[in-house]
Amino acid sequence: MSTAFPARWWHKLEDGRVQCDLCPRDCKLHEGQRGFCFVRQRVGEGMVLDTYGRSSGFCVDPIEKKPLNHFHPGSSVLSFGTAGCNLGCRFCQNWDISKSREQDTLADEASPEAIARHAVRLGCKSVAFTYNDPVIFAEYAMDVADACHALGVETVAVTAGYIHAQPRRELYSKMDAANVDLKAFTEDFYKRVTFAHLQPVLATLEYLRHETRVWFEVTTLLIPGHNDSEAEVTRLSEWMMERLGPDVPLHFTAFHPDFKMLDVPATPPATLTRARGIARRTGLRHVYTGNVHDTEGDTTLCGGCGTALIVRDWHRLLSYRVTPEGRCPDCGEAVPGRFDEVPGAFGARRVPVRIGVGTRT
């Protein structure tokens, strides 16, 4: 399979360079140069995406691992990513993939149709574009989404939301669900730690909420001393309440030392519990803790009467009390999300799979 796929969203500048119009970085390239993401390259008078059809690996995960707690709970999702990223997060938990500059990171080759067929064969309700950001391989993700939808498989984008308006419309027109990483709630953090900006991410969140039917949830990785203060968590929660409403789920997850932030301690569970309490007091109804064993922080509560509807422990469903109509059985309150009459029973497994037609060794 050819890996030099013609890229979309670029234009020629008067000085002869080509500008990438995919994300707010607006990389301006001479012949042969690559963008910040490393996978989009100037070739001749245009641009190519050189990771189309190539993956860093496939894995069957629980949907709660994305994390998505209100999207077909208990179901399995076929997950994959490519290489590269358009952010430069110093704390990246998947840095070996997202920061890769080595083509041999991309071990599997698979067409969109092959991915969709394998998702059906493996019993996966959805396919997730994850591990690195699907924004940078949007052409591939969109083609995979079309192939999946043709076979009744849904699609999920796990993303930092750093994308321009036009490609954002095109990408999310193909997505059924998303989890957006809101890295922090200060411009200083975004500039200093991710080498990006906050406002484009907030714009993506508002776009998803007000202009699409995509189901989405938000995740913030709390890093001790960097974005975990009571004041910042409060501002983030209040912004979500005001701009997105009370029903968009928010996940606070635990950091562990990685990549270029090995000197920062792991997030104490108490920090996640405190943040969850702050967010709930602002009016957010569905706030979760992640990357820790915390059954209380993993439980979906009814937004009306407060009863426990879905009890989880580490991506595993312990109980499920949502009606076939997606409501609380006690008070009849609708539960926001996408629910099935019978929940999935995949559990907390993680199953690596090889599906490529041209798998490399």
Protein backbone atom coordinates (compact mmCIF):
# COMPACT_ATOMS: atom_id res chain seq x y z
CA MET A 1 0.00 0.00 0.00
CA SER A 2 1.37 3.39 -0.96
CA THR A 3 2.11 5.63 1.99
CA ALA A 4 2.50 8.90 0.05
CA PHE A 5 -1.17 9.88 0.07
CA PRO A 6 -2.18 13.31 -1.30
CA ALA A 7 -2.96 15.54 1.68
CA ARG A 8 -5.91 17.88 1.96
CA TRP A 9 -6.08 21.35 3.56
CA TRP A 10 -3.09 23.27 2.24
CA HIS A 11 -2.40 26.20 -0.04
CA LYS A 12 0.51 27.74 -1.91
CA LEU A 13 2.04 30.95 -0.56
CA GLU A 14 3.31 33.83 -2.70
CA ASP A 15 6.88 33.14 -1.58
CA GLY A 16 6.70 29.61 -3.02
CA ARG A 17 6.21 27.77 0.24
CA VAL A 18 3.22 25.52 0.93
CA GLN A 19 1.18 26.17 4.08
CA CYS A 20 -0.61 23.35 5.86
CA ASP A 21 -4.14 24.42 6.81
CA LEU A 22 -5.02 21.44 8.98
CA CYS A 23 -4.22 22.79 12.44
CA PRO A 24 -3.37 26.15 14.06
CA ARG A 25 0.35 25.56 13.65
CA ASP A 26 0.04 26.68 10.00
CA CYS A 27 3.36 25.02 9.10
CA LYS A 28 4.98 26.70 6.08
CA LEU A 29 7.16 24.30 4.13
CA HIS A 30 9.83 24.33 1.46
CA GLU A 31 10.36 21.30 -0.77
CA GLY A 32 10.99 18.16 1.29
CA GLN A 33 10.25 19.78 4.65
CA ARG A 34 7.88 18.18 7.14
CA GLY A 35 5.43 19.86 9.47
CA PHE A 36 5.67 19.81 13.26
CA CYS A 37 3.65 16.58 13.25
CA PHE A 38 6.36 15.03 11.03
CA VAL A 39 3.89 13.00 8.94
CA ARG A 40 2.74 15.75 6.54
CA GLN A 41 5.42 16.67 4.02
CA ARG A 42 5.89 19.11 1.15
CA VAL A 43 6.50 17.13 -2.04
CA GLY A 44 6.69 19.05 -5.30
CA GLU A 45 3.90 21.60 -5.49
CA GLY A 46 1.73 19.94 -2.85
CA MET A 47 1.64 17.96 0.39
CA VAL A 48 1.41 14.27 1.23
CA LEU A 49 0.41 12.30 4.30
CA ASP A 50 2.99 9.55 4.56
CA THR A 51 1.27 7.44 7.22
CA TYR A 52 -1.94 6.72 5.29
CA GLY A 53 -2.77 3.03 5.66
CA ARG A 54 -0.05 2.41 8.25
CA SER A 55 -0.54 1.84 11.96
CA SER A 56 1.57 1.56 15.09
CA GLY A 57 -0.61 -1.41 16.05
CA PHE A 58 -4.16 -2.54 16.74
CA CYS A 59 -5.75 -3.49 20.03
CA VAL A 60 -9.24 -4.40 21.23
CA ASP A 61 -10.04 -2.26 24.30
CA PRO A 62 -13.02 -1.61 26.54
CA ILE A 63 -14.73 1.60 25.42
CA GLU A 64 -14.33 2.93 28.98
CA LYS A 65 -10.57 3.05 28.38
CA LYS A 66 -10.87 5.88 25.81
CA PRO A 67 -12.39 7.07 28.24
CA LEU A 68 -16.05 7.07 27.17
CA ASN A 69 -18.48 6.17 29.95
CA HIS A 70 -21.69 7.16 28.18
CA PHE A 71 -21.10 5.56 24.77
CA HIS A 72 -22.29 1.94 24.59
CA PRO A 73 -20.98 0.99 28.07
CA GLY A 74 -19.23 -2.35 28.34
CA SER A 75 -18.64 -2.65 24.60
CA SER A 76 -15.34 -3.35 22.89
CA VAL A 77 -13.58 -0.97 20.51
CA LEU A 78 -10.87 -1.69 17.96
CA SER A 79 -8.20 0.92 18.67
CA PHE A 80 -5.27 2.07 16.55
CA GLY A 81 -3.02 5.03 15.86
CA THR A 82 -0.22 5.97 13.51
CA ALA A 83 2.89 8.04 14.31
CA GLY A 84 3.54 11.70 15.05
CA CYS A 85 1.48 14.42 16.74
CA ASN A 86 0.71 18.11 16.28
CA LEU A 87 1.24 18.87 19.97
CA GLY A 88 4.50 18.66 21.88
CA CYS A 89 3.30 17.60 25.33
CA ARG A 90 6.23 17.16 27.70
CA PHE A 91 4.17 14.65 29.71
CA CYS A 92 3.01 12.50 26.79
CA GLN A 93 1.97 9.05 28.01
CA ASN A 94 2.23 7.59 24.48
CA TRP A 95 5.44 9.37 23.51
CA ASP A 96 6.97 6.31 21.84
CA ILE A 97 4.19 6.53 19.23
CA SER A 98 3.26 10.20 19.09
CA LYS A 99 6.86 11.45 19.08
CA SER A 100 8.13 8.77 16.74
CA ARG A 101 10.36 9.81 13.86
CA GLU A 102 11.05 6.24 12.85
CA GLN A 103 9.03 4.67 10.08
CA ASP A 104 9.52 1.20 11.60
CA THR A 105 7.17 2.30 14.40
CA LEU A 106 4.45 1.70 11.82
CA ALA A 107 4.38 -2.09 11.85
CA ASP A 108 0.93 -2.80 10.42
CA GLU A 109 -0.54 -1.88 7.06
CA ALA A 110 -4.28 -2.04 6.58
CA SER A 111 -6.81 -0.54 4.23
CA PRO A 112 -9.91 1.18 5.59
CA GLU A 113 -12.03 -1.74 4.36
CA ALA A 114 -9.79 -4.29 6.10
CA ILE A 115 -10.06 -2.41 9.40
CA ALA A 116 -13.85 -2.30 9.16
CA ARG A 117 -14.08 -6.02 8.33
CA HIS A 118 -11.85 -6.94 11.25
CA ALA A 119 -13.87 -4.79 13.63
CA VAL A 120 -16.96 -6.80 12.67
CA ARG A 121 -15.10 -10.11 12.94
CA LEU A 122 -13.76 -9.18 16.38
CA GLY A 123 -17.21 -8.18 17.63
CA CYS A 124 -16.27 -4.52 18.17
CA LYS A 125 -19.10 -2.01 18.22
CA SER A 126 -16.74 0.82 17.25
CA VAL A 127 -13.30 1.72 15.95
CA ALA A 128 -11.22 4.34 17.80
CA PHE A 129 -8.54 6.57 16.33
CA THR A 130 -6.27 6.95 19.34
CA TYR A 131 -2.73 6.54 20.81
CA ASN A 132 -1.68 9.55 18.72
CA ASP A 133 -3.98 12.31 17.46
CA PRO A 134 -6.29 11.45 14.52
CA VAL A 135 -6.19 15.09 13.45
CA ILE A 136 -2.83 14.49 11.77
CA PHE A 137 -4.06 11.42 9.88
CA ALA A 138 -7.52 12.80 9.24
CA GLU A 139 -7.69 11.63 5.60
CA TYR A 140 -7.05 8.04 6.70
CA ALA A 141 -9.41 8.29 9.67
CA MET A 142 -12.21 9.67 7.49
CA ASP A 143 -11.84 6.86 4.94
CA VAL A 144 -11.80 4.27 7.73
CA ALA A 145 -14.95 5.88 9.15
CA ASP A 146 -16.74 5.57 5.81
CA ALA A 147 -15.78 1.90 5.56
CA CYS A 148 -16.90 1.27 9.14
CA HIS A 149 -20.26 2.98 8.70
CA ALA A 150 -20.92 0.86 5.60
CA LEU A 151 -20.74 -2.20 7.88
CA GLY A 152 -22.63 -0.72 10.83
CA VAL A 153 -19.53 0.00 12.95
CA GLU A 154 -19.30 3.35 14.76
CA THR A 155 -16.22 5.55 15.04
CA VAL A 156 -14.47 7.39 17.87
CA ALA A 157 -11.86 10.17 17.80
CA VAL A 158 -9.58 10.47 20.82
CA THR A 159 -7.99 13.85 20.28
CA ALA A 160 -6.52 17.04 21.69
CA GLY A 161 -8.95 19.01 19.53
CA TYR A 162 -6.22 21.16 17.95
CA ILE A 163 -7.61 21.67 14.46
CA HIS A 164 -8.80 24.43 12.12
CA ALA A 165 -12.50 24.99 11.45
CA GLN A 166 -12.83 23.59 7.91
CA PRO A 167 -11.05 20.25 8.49
CA ARG A 168 -12.84 20.05 11.85
CA ARG A 169 -16.19 20.11 10.08
CA GLU A 170 -15.10 17.43 7.63
CA LEU A 171 -13.51 15.16 10.24
CA TYR A 172 -16.36 15.25 12.75
CA SER A 173 -18.97 14.72 10.06
CA LYS A 174 -17.57 11.17 10.01
CA MET A 175 -17.34 10.62 13.80
CA ASP A 176 -19.97 9.16 16.13
CA ALA A 177 -18.14 9.97 19.36
CA ALA A 178 -15.05 11.73 20.66
CA ASN A 179 -13.01 12.19 23.77
CA VAL A 180 -11.23 15.53 23.80
CA ASP A 181 -8.17 16.09 25.98
CA LEU A 182 -8.44 19.49 27.62
CA LYS A 183 -4.84 19.59 28.80
CA ALA A 184 -5.28 22.45 31.23
CA PHE A 185 -7.19 25.70 31.53
CA THR A 186 -4.43 28.29 31.14
CA GLU A 187 -2.74 29.60 28.02
CA ASP A 188 0.56 29.52 29.92
CA PHE A 189 0.34 25.74 30.39
CA TYR A 190 -0.53 25.16 26.73
CA LYS A 191 2.36 27.31 25.49
CA ARG A 192 4.95 26.08 27.98
CA VAL A 193 4.08 22.37 28.27
CA THR A 194 2.30 21.42 25.02
CA PHE A 195 3.74 24.05 22.61
CA ALA A 196 0.21 24.91 21.51
CA HIS A 197 -2.64 27.26 22.46
CA LEU A 198 -5.78 26.86 24.56
CA GLN A 199 -8.38 28.77 22.54
CA PRO A 200 -8.53 26.44 19.50
CA VAL A 201 -9.29 23.52 21.83
CA LEU A 202 -12.11 25.44 23.52
CA ALA A 203 -13.46 26.28 20.07
CA THR A 204 -13.51 22.58 19.18
CA LEU A 205 -15.42 21.74 22.35
CA GLU A 206 -18.03 24.42 21.68
CA TYR A 207 -18.31 23.30 18.08
CA LEU A 208 -18.95 19.70 19.11
CA ARG A 209 -21.55 20.74 21.65
CA HIS A 210 -23.51 23.25 19.61
CA GLU A 211 -23.01 22.33 15.96
CA THR A 212 -22.82 18.52 15.79
CA ARG A 213 -24.56 15.41 17.04
CA VAL A 214 -21.26 13.76 17.99
CA TRP A 215 -21.34 12.30 21.48
CA PHE A 216 -18.27 13.60 23.31
CA GLU A 217 -16.62 13.55 26.71
CA VAL A 218 -13.74 15.61 28.08
CA THR A 219 -10.58 14.42 29.84
CA THR A 220 -8.09 16.44 31.88
CA LEU A 221 -4.91 14.77 33.10
CA LEU A 222 -4.13 16.40 36.45
CA ILE A 223 -0.39 17.00 36.83
CA PRO A 224 0.80 17.92 40.34
CA GLY A 225 1.93 21.53 40.55
CA HIS A 226 1.03 22.31 36.93
CA ASN A 227 -2.74 22.25 36.37
CA ASP A 228 -4.27 20.76 39.54
CA SER A 229 -4.91 23.85 41.67
CA GLU A 230 -8.37 24.38 43.12
CA ALA A 231 -8.63 27.70 41.28
CA GLU A 232 -7.84 26.20 37.86
CA VAL A 233 -10.12 23.19 38.33
CA THR A 234 -12.88 25.59 39.35
CA ARG A 235 -12.39 27.79 36.27
CA LEU A 236 -12.36 24.76 33.98
CA SER A 237 -15.53 23.34 35.53
CA GLU A 238 -17.33 26.66 35.44
CA TRP A 239 -16.42 27.15 31.79
CA MET A 240 -17.78 23.70 30.93
CA MET A 241 -20.97 24.37 32.86
CA GLU A 242 -21.50 27.73 31.13
CA ARG A 243 -20.44 26.83 27.58
CA LEU A 244 -21.18 23.10 27.30
CA GLY A 245 -23.90 22.53 29.89
CA PRO A 246 -24.21 20.12 32.83
CA ASP A 247 -24.42 16.84 30.89
CA VAL A 248 -21.05 16.61 29.10
CA PRO A 249 -19.01 14.06 31.09
CA LEU A 250 -15.68 15.23 32.51
CA HIS A 251 -12.88 12.80 33.42
CA PHE A 252 -10.06 13.78 35.78
CA THR A 253 -7.25 11.27 35.30
CA ALA A 254 -4.03 10.56 37.15
CA PHE A 255 -0.62 11.49 35.74
CA HIS A 256 2.36 9.18 36.04
CA PRO A 257 5.93 10.36 35.39
CA ASP A 258 6.81 9.92 31.72
CA PHE A 259 8.71 11.33 28.74
CA LYS A 260 10.19 14.73 29.74
CA MET A 261 8.40 15.09 33.08
CA LEU A 262 10.03 12.26 35.00
CA ASP A 263 10.75 14.63 37.89
CA VAL A 264 7.04 15.26 38.60
CA PRO A 265 5.36 12.90 41.09
CA ALA A 266 2.33 10.80 40.24
CA THR A 267 -1.07 12.32 40.95
CA PRO A 268 -2.39 11.34 44.41
CA PRO A 269 -5.89 9.81 44.27
CA ALA A 270 -7.02 12.49 46.74
CA THR A 271 -6.32 15.15 44.09
CA LEU A 272 -8.74 13.47 41.68
CA THR A 273 -11.39 13.13 44.39
CA ARG A 274 -11.03 16.82 45.28
CA ALA A 275 -11.30 17.86 41.64
CA ARG A 276 -14.38 15.70 41.13
CA GLY A 277 -16.03 17.36 44.12
CA ILE A 278 -15.26 20.84 42.80
CA ALA A 279 -16.69 20.03 39.37
CA ARG A 280 -19.85 18.50 40.80
CA ARG A 281 -20.41 21.54 43.01
CA THR A 282 -20.34 23.77 39.93
CA GLY A 283 -23.29 21.76 38.58
CA LEU A 284 -21.63 19.19 36.30
CA ARG A 285 -23.60 15.96 36.70
CA HIS A 286 -21.21 13.37 35.33
CA VAL A 287 -17.66 13.71 36.65
CA TYR A 288 -15.28 10.76 36.82
CA THR A 289 -11.83 9.85 38.08
CA GLY A 290 -9.48 7.74 35.98
CA ASN A 291 -6.20 5.82 35.99
CA VAL A 292 -6.96 4.77 39.59
CA HIS A 293 -9.16 2.21 41.31
CA ASP A 294 -12.06 4.34 42.49
CA THR A 295 -15.49 2.76 42.22
CA GLU A 296 -17.24 5.84 43.55
CA GLY A 297 -15.46 8.09 41.07
CA ASP A 298 -16.26 5.68 38.24
CA THR A 299 -19.99 5.45 38.92
CA THR A 300 -22.60 7.06 36.68
CA LEU A 301 -25.24 8.78 38.80
CA CYS A 302 -28.71 9.83 37.73
CA GLY A 303 -28.76 13.58 37.08
CA GLY A 304 -32.25 13.70 38.55
CA CYS A 305 -32.48 11.62 41.71
CA GLY A 306 -28.78 10.83 42.20
CA THR A 307 -29.14 7.04 42.29
CA ALA A 308 -26.27 4.88 41.02
CA LEU A 309 -27.02 3.74 37.47
CA ILE A 310 -23.73 2.23 36.25
CA VAL A 311 -21.13 1.07 38.75
CA ARG A 312 -17.64 0.42 37.38
CA ASP A 313 -14.27 -0.66 38.61
CA TRP A 314 -11.29 -0.15 36.32
CA HIS A 315 -13.19 -0.36 33.00
CA ARG A 316 -15.34 -3.24 34.23
CA LEU A 317 -19.10 -2.89 34.74
CA LEU A 318 -20.28 -4.10 38.15
CA SER A 319 -23.94 -3.13 37.68
CA TYR A 320 -26.09 -1.51 34.99
CA ARG A 321 -29.49 0.05 35.67
CA VAL A 322 -30.22 2.14 32.57
CA THR A 323 -33.55 1.33 30.91
CA PRO A 324 -33.74 0.30 27.23
CA GLU A 325 -34.95 3.86 26.55
CA GLY A 326 -31.84 5.32 28.20
CA ARG A 327 -33.49 6.49 31.39
CA CYS A 328 -33.19 6.11 35.15
CA PRO A 329 -35.51 3.29 36.28
CA ASP A 330 -36.31 5.14 39.52
CA CYS A 331 -37.26 8.66 38.39
CA GLY A 332 -37.38 8.43 34.61
CA GLU A 333 -34.67 11.05 34.02
CA ALA A 334 -32.96 10.68 30.64
CA VAL A 335 -29.29 9.69 30.85
CA PRO A 336 -27.21 11.63 28.30
CA GLY A 337 -25.23 9.44 25.93
CA ARG A 338 -25.67 6.39 23.71
CA PHE A 339 -26.94 3.34 25.57
CA ASP A 340 -28.03 -0.17 24.62
CA GLU A 341 -30.81 -2.33 25.99
CA VAL A 342 -28.18 -4.81 27.18
CA PRO A 343 -24.72 -3.51 28.08
CA GLY A 344 -21.55 -5.01 26.68
CA ALA A 345 -19.61 -7.55 28.70
CA PHE A 346 -16.10 -7.09 27.33
CA GLY A 347 -14.63 -6.28 30.75
CA ALA A 348 -11.24 -4.73 31.41
CA ARG A 349 -9.21 -6.78 28.94
CA ARG A 350 -6.76 -5.34 26.43
CA VAL A 351 -6.19 -7.64 23.47
CA PRO A 352 -3.48 -6.79 20.89
CA VAL A 353 -4.38 -8.00 17.40
CA ARG A 354 -2.63 -8.10 14.03
CA ILE A 355 -4.86 -7.34 11.09
CA GLY A 356 -2.60 -5.87 8.45
CA VAL A 357 -2.51 -7.33 4.97
CA GLY A 358 1.12 -6.33 4.71
CA THR A 359 2.30 -6.70 8.30
CA ARG A 360 5.96 -5.88 8.75
CA THR A 361 8.37 -7.57 11.11
